Amino acid sequence: MILVKKLDRLGRDTADMIALIKEFDSIGVAILSAVAQAERQRILERTNEGRIEAKGVKFGRKRTIDAEKLRTLRKNGLGATDIAKQMGIGRSTVYKLLNEAGE
């Protein structure tokens, strides 16, 4: 009997794991569904390592909303619903940006 608590400990790399799984499959052991889980875990680990190494780098999409225009509309007395309609964004986004600006 083999007990493996983490699949990434089963083999050195994905190719090694696949070879072991083929061998297990030939003797009637079915663990193929776990390969996807192990590969996903490895991808997450590599991604997190990359994020740690990329100090000072902002992740995610760049903002395309003109925050200054939003503040101007707010100062002119428009409510969040009207600002959202005029700028083509959601009301929650208006509230979020106003909150970030301290308004």
N, C-alpha and C. Protein backbone atom coordinates (compact mmCIF):
# COMPACT_ATOMS: atom_id res chain seq x y z
N MET A 1 0.84 -1.18 0.00
CA MET A 1 0.00 0.00 0.00
C MET A 1 0.89 1.24 0.00
N ILE A 2 0.49 2.25 -0.82
CA ILE A 2 1.22 3.51 -0.89
C ILE A 2 0.28 4.60 -0.40
N LEU A 3 0.76 5.43 0.52
CA LEU A 3 -0.02 6.56 1.02
C LEU A 3 0.70 7.84 0.64
N VAL A 4 0.06 8.65 -0.18
CA VAL A 4 0.63 9.92 -0.61
C VAL A 4 -0.30 11.02 -0.14
N LYS A 5 0.20 11.88 0.74
CA LYS A 5 -0.64 12.96 1.27
C LYS A 5 -0.69 14.15 0.32
N LYS A 6 0.42 14.42 -0.35
CA LYS A 6 0.45 15.50 -1.35
C LYS A 6 0.97 14.91 -2.65
N LEU A 7 0.22 15.12 -3.72
CA LEU A 7 0.62 14.50 -4.99
C LEU A 7 1.93 15.06 -5.54
N ASP A 8 2.28 16.29 -5.18
CA ASP A 8 3.53 16.82 -5.70
C ASP A 8 4.74 16.09 -5.11
N ARG A 9 4.52 15.30 -4.07
CA ARG A 9 5.58 14.49 -3.48
C ARG A 9 5.69 13.12 -4.16
N LEU A 10 4.74 12.80 -5.01
CA LEU A 10 4.73 11.51 -5.69
C LEU A 10 5.83 11.44 -6.75
N GLY A 11 6.08 12.54 -7.44
CA GLY A 11 7.09 12.54 -8.49
C GLY A 11 7.85 13.85 -8.51
N ARG A 12 8.96 13.87 -9.22
CA ARG A 12 9.81 15.06 -9.30
C ARG A 12 9.17 16.15 -10.15
N ASP A 13 8.49 15.72 -11.21
CA ASP A 13 7.83 16.67 -12.10
C ASP A 13 6.60 15.99 -12.69
N THR A 14 5.88 16.72 -13.54
CA THR A 14 4.64 16.20 -14.10
C THR A 14 4.89 14.94 -14.92
N ALA A 15 5.96 14.94 -15.70
CA ALA A 15 6.25 13.77 -16.54
C ALA A 15 6.51 12.54 -15.67
N ASP A 16 7.23 12.72 -14.57
CA ASP A 16 7.50 11.62 -13.66
C ASP A 16 6.20 11.11 -13.03
N MET A 17 5.32 12.04 -12.65
CA MET A 17 4.03 11.65 -12.08
C MET A 17 3.19 10.88 -13.08
N ILE A 18 3.20 11.32 -14.32
CA ILE A 18 2.42 10.63 -15.36
C ILE A 18 2.93 9.21 -15.56
N ALA A 19 4.25 9.06 -15.54
CA ALA A 19 4.82 7.72 -15.68
C ALA A 19 4.38 6.82 -14.54
N LEU A 20 4.40 7.35 -13.33
CA LEU A 20 3.96 6.57 -12.17
C LEU A 20 2.47 6.24 -12.26
N ILE A 21 1.68 7.19 -12.71
CA ILE A 21 0.25 6.96 -12.84
C ILE A 21 -0.05 5.89 -13.87
N LYS A 22 0.70 5.90 -14.98
CA LYS A 22 0.53 4.85 -15.99
C LYS A 22 0.86 3.48 -15.39
N GLU A 23 1.91 3.46 -14.59
CA GLU A 23 2.29 2.20 -13.95
C GLU A 23 1.21 1.74 -12.98
N PHE A 24 0.69 2.67 -12.18
CA PHE A 24 -0.39 2.34 -11.25
C PHE A 24 -1.64 1.89 -12.00
N ASP A 25 -1.93 2.58 -13.11
CA ASP A 25 -3.11 2.24 -13.91
C ASP A 25 -3.02 0.82 -14.45
N SER A 26 -1.81 0.40 -14.81
CA SER A 26 -1.63 -0.95 -15.36
C SER A 26 -1.92 -2.04 -14.33
N ILE A 27 -1.83 -1.67 -13.05
CA ILE A 27 -2.13 -2.66 -12.01
C ILE A 27 -3.49 -2.41 -11.36
N GLY A 28 -4.27 -1.49 -11.96
CA GLY A 28 -5.64 -1.29 -11.51
C GLY A 28 -5.87 -0.16 -10.51
N VAL A 29 -4.89 0.68 -10.30
CA VAL A 29 -5.05 1.81 -9.36
C VAL A 29 -5.43 3.04 -10.18
N ALA A 30 -6.51 3.69 -9.79
CA ALA A 30 -6.99 4.84 -10.55
C ALA A 30 -6.84 6.12 -9.72
N ILE A 31 -5.87 6.98 -10.09
CA ILE A 31 -5.67 8.27 -9.40
C ILE A 31 -5.54 9.40 -10.40
N LEU A 32 -5.99 9.18 -11.61
CA LEU A 32 -5.77 10.18 -12.66
C LEU A 32 -6.43 11.52 -12.36
N SER A 33 -7.58 11.52 -11.71
CA SER A 33 -8.26 12.79 -11.43
C SER A 33 -7.43 13.69 -10.52
N ALA A 34 -6.55 13.11 -9.77
CA ALA A 34 -5.73 13.89 -8.85
C ALA A 34 -4.60 14.62 -9.55
N VAL A 35 -4.26 14.23 -10.78
CA VAL A 35 -3.17 14.89 -11.50
C VAL A 35 -3.51 16.34 -11.78
N ALA A 36 -4.73 16.60 -12.16
CA ALA A 36 -5.15 17.97 -12.43
C ALA A 36 -5.03 18.82 -11.17
N GLN A 37 -5.40 18.25 -10.05
CA GLN A 37 -5.28 18.96 -8.78
C GLN A 37 -3.82 19.28 -8.47
N ALA A 38 -2.95 18.33 -8.68
CA ALA A 38 -1.53 18.53 -8.40
C ALA A 38 -0.94 19.59 -9.32
N GLU A 39 -1.28 19.53 -10.59
CA GLU A 39 -0.76 20.50 -11.55
C GLU A 39 -1.26 21.90 -11.21
N ARG A 40 -2.52 22.01 -10.82
CA ARG A 40 -3.08 23.31 -10.44
C ARG A 40 -2.34 23.88 -9.22
N GLN A 41 -2.04 23.00 -8.27
CA GLN A 41 -1.31 23.43 -7.08
C GLN A 41 0.09 23.92 -7.45
N ARG A 42 0.74 23.23 -8.35
CA ARG A 42 2.07 23.67 -8.80
C ARG A 42 2.01 25.01 -9.50
N ILE A 43 1.00 25.22 -10.31
CA ILE A 43 0.84 26.50 -11.01
C ILE A 43 0.65 27.62 -9.99
N LEU A 44 -0.19 27.38 -8.99
CA LEU A 44 -0.41 28.39 -7.95
C LEU A 44 0.88 28.71 -7.19
N GLU A 45 1.65 27.68 -6.88
CA GLU A 45 2.90 27.90 -6.17
C GLU A 45 3.86 28.73 -7.00
N ARG A 46 3.98 28.41 -8.29
CA ARG A 46 4.88 29.18 -9.17
C ARG A 46 4.40 30.61 -9.33
N THR A 47 3.09 30.80 -9.43
CA THR A 47 2.53 32.14 -9.56
C THR A 47 2.83 32.97 -8.32
N ASN A 48 2.62 32.37 -7.16
CA ASN A 48 2.88 33.09 -5.91
C ASN A 48 4.36 33.42 -5.75
N GLU A 49 5.23 32.51 -6.16
CA GLU A 49 6.67 32.79 -6.12
C GLU A 49 7.02 33.97 -7.02
N GLY A 50 6.41 34.01 -8.19
CA GLY A 50 6.64 35.13 -9.11
C GLY A 50 6.16 36.45 -8.55
N ARG A 51 5.02 36.43 -7.89
CA ARG A 51 4.50 37.66 -7.28
C ARG A 51 5.40 38.16 -6.17
N ILE A 52 5.95 37.24 -5.41
CA ILE A 52 6.87 37.63 -4.34
C ILE A 52 8.13 38.27 -4.93
N GLU A 53 8.63 37.70 -6.02
CA GLU A 53 9.83 38.23 -6.66
C GLU A 53 9.59 39.59 -7.33
N ALA A 54 8.38 39.85 -7.76
CA ALA A 54 8.06 41.08 -8.49
C ALA A 54 7.65 42.19 -7.52
N LYS A 55 8.57 42.57 -6.68
CA LYS A 55 8.28 43.60 -5.68
C LYS A 55 8.03 44.94 -6.36
N GLY A 56 7.01 45.64 -5.92
CA GLY A 56 6.71 46.95 -6.45
C GLY A 56 5.90 46.96 -7.74
N VAL A 57 5.57 45.79 -8.26
CA VAL A 57 4.81 45.69 -9.50
C VAL A 57 3.33 45.61 -9.16
N LYS A 58 2.53 46.43 -9.82
CA LYS A 58 1.09 46.38 -9.61
C LYS A 58 0.49 45.36 -10.56
N PHE A 59 -0.36 44.49 -10.00
CA PHE A 59 -1.02 43.48 -10.80
C PHE A 59 -2.44 43.93 -11.11
N GLY A 60 -3.01 43.36 -12.15
CA GLY A 60 -4.39 43.66 -12.50
C GLY A 60 -4.48 44.67 -13.65
N ARG A 61 -5.70 44.90 -14.05
CA ARG A 61 -5.97 45.79 -15.16
C ARG A 61 -5.77 47.24 -14.75
N LYS A 62 -5.28 48.06 -15.67
CA LYS A 62 -5.11 49.47 -15.40
C LYS A 62 -6.46 50.17 -15.45
N ARG A 63 -6.62 51.15 -14.59
CA ARG A 63 -7.89 51.88 -14.54
C ARG A 63 -8.05 52.75 -15.79
N THR A 64 -9.27 52.74 -16.29
CA THR A 64 -9.57 53.56 -17.46
C THR A 64 -10.56 54.66 -17.13
N ILE A 65 -10.97 54.73 -15.89
CA ILE A 65 -11.96 55.72 -15.47
C ILE A 65 -11.23 57.00 -15.09
N ASP A 66 -11.74 58.12 -15.58
CA ASP A 66 -11.17 59.43 -15.27
C ASP A 66 -11.67 59.85 -13.88
N ALA A 67 -10.83 59.63 -12.88
CA ALA A 67 -11.21 59.93 -11.50
C ALA A 67 -11.44 61.41 -11.28
N GLU A 68 -10.69 62.23 -11.99
CA GLU A 68 -10.86 63.69 -11.84
C GLU A 68 -12.24 64.13 -12.35
N LYS A 69 -12.67 63.56 -13.48
CA LYS A 69 -14.00 63.87 -14.02
C LYS A 69 -15.07 63.43 -13.03
N LEU A 70 -14.88 62.26 -12.42
CA LEU A 70 -15.84 61.76 -11.46
C LEU A 70 -15.96 62.72 -10.26
N ARG A 71 -14.82 63.17 -9.75
CA ARG A 71 -14.85 64.11 -8.61
C ARG A 71 -15.50 65.43 -9.00
N THR A 72 -15.23 65.89 -10.23
CA THR A 72 -15.84 67.14 -10.69
C THR A 72 -17.35 67.02 -10.77
N LEU A 73 -17.83 65.90 -11.31
CA LEU A 73 -19.28 65.69 -11.39
C LEU A 73 -19.89 65.65 -9.99
N ARG A 74 -19.19 65.04 -9.07
CA ARG A 74 -19.69 64.98 -7.69
C ARG A 74 -19.74 66.37 -7.06
N LYS A 75 -18.70 67.17 -7.30
CA LYS A 75 -18.66 68.54 -6.76
C LYS A 75 -19.75 69.41 -7.37
N ASN A 76 -20.15 69.07 -8.60
CA ASN A 76 -21.23 69.82 -9.26
C ASN A 76 -22.61 69.40 -8.78
N GLY A 77 -22.65 68.48 -7.81
CA GLY A 77 -23.91 68.11 -7.19
C GLY A 77 -24.60 66.89 -7.76
N LEU A 78 -23.99 66.20 -8.68
CA LEU A 78 -24.61 65.00 -9.24
C LEU A 78 -24.51 63.84 -8.25
N GLY A 79 -25.55 63.03 -8.23
CA GLY A 79 -25.56 61.85 -7.37
C GLY A 79 -24.84 60.69 -8.04
N ALA A 80 -24.67 59.64 -7.28
CA ALA A 80 -23.93 58.48 -7.77
C ALA A 80 -24.60 57.84 -8.98
N THR A 81 -25.93 57.77 -8.98
CA THR A 81 -26.65 57.16 -10.10
C THR A 81 -26.43 57.95 -11.38
N ASP A 82 -26.53 59.28 -11.29
CA ASP A 82 -26.33 60.12 -12.48
C ASP A 82 -24.89 60.08 -12.97
N ILE A 83 -23.95 60.06 -12.04
CA ILE A 83 -22.53 59.96 -12.43
C ILE A 83 -22.28 58.63 -13.13
N ALA A 84 -22.84 57.56 -12.59
CA ALA A 84 -22.66 56.24 -13.18
C ALA A 84 -23.21 56.19 -14.60
N LYS A 85 -24.41 56.76 -14.79
CA LYS A 85 -25.01 56.76 -16.14
C LYS A 85 -24.17 57.58 -17.10
N GLN A 86 -23.72 58.75 -16.67
CA GLN A 86 -22.97 59.64 -17.54
C GLN A 86 -21.60 59.05 -17.92
N MET A 87 -20.98 58.33 -16.98
CA MET A 87 -19.65 57.79 -17.24
C MET A 87 -19.68 56.35 -17.75
N GLY A 88 -20.87 55.73 -17.74
CA GLY A 88 -20.98 54.37 -18.24
C GLY A 88 -20.36 53.33 -17.33
N ILE A 89 -20.46 53.56 -16.02
CA ILE A 89 -19.92 52.63 -15.05
C ILE A 89 -21.00 52.29 -14.03
N GLY A 90 -20.74 51.35 -13.17
CA GLY A 90 -21.70 50.96 -12.15
C GLY A 90 -21.68 51.92 -10.97
N ARG A 91 -22.80 51.99 -10.28
CA ARG A 91 -22.89 52.86 -9.10
C ARG A 91 -21.89 52.43 -8.03
N SER A 92 -21.72 51.11 -7.88
CA SER A 92 -20.78 50.63 -6.87
C SER A 92 -19.36 51.11 -7.17
N THR A 93 -19.02 51.22 -8.45
CA THR A 93 -17.71 51.74 -8.83
C THR A 93 -17.59 53.21 -8.46
N VAL A 94 -18.66 53.95 -8.66
CA VAL A 94 -18.66 55.37 -8.27
C VAL A 94 -18.41 55.49 -6.78
N TYR A 95 -19.15 54.73 -5.99
CA TYR A 95 -18.98 54.78 -4.54
C TYR A 95 -17.57 54.37 -4.13
N LYS A 96 -17.03 53.35 -4.79
CA LYS A 96 -15.70 52.87 -4.46
C LYS A 96 -14.65 53.95 -4.73
N LEU A 97 -14.75 54.60 -5.89
CA LEU A 97 -13.78 55.63 -6.24
C LEU A 97 -13.92 56.87 -5.36
N LEU A 98 -15.15 57.22 -5.03
CA LEU A 98 -15.35 58.36 -4.13
C LEU A 98 -14.79 58.04 -2.75
N ASN A 99 -14.98 56.83 -2.30
CA ASN A 99 -14.46 56.40 -1.00
C ASN A 99 -12.93 56.44 -0.99
N GLU A 100 -12.31 55.99 -2.07
CA GLU A 100 -10.85 56.02 -2.18
C GLU A 100 -10.33 57.44 -2.18
N ALA A 101 -11.12 58.36 -2.74
CA ALA A 101 -10.70 59.77 -2.79
C ALA A 101 -10.99 60.50 -1.49
N GLY A 102 -11.65 59.81 -0.55
CA GLY A 102 -11.95 60.41 0.73
C GLY A 102 -13.17 61.29 0.73
N GLU A 103 -14.06 61.07 -0.22
CA GLU A 103 -15.27 61.88 -0.30
C GLU A 103 -16.48 61.09 0.16
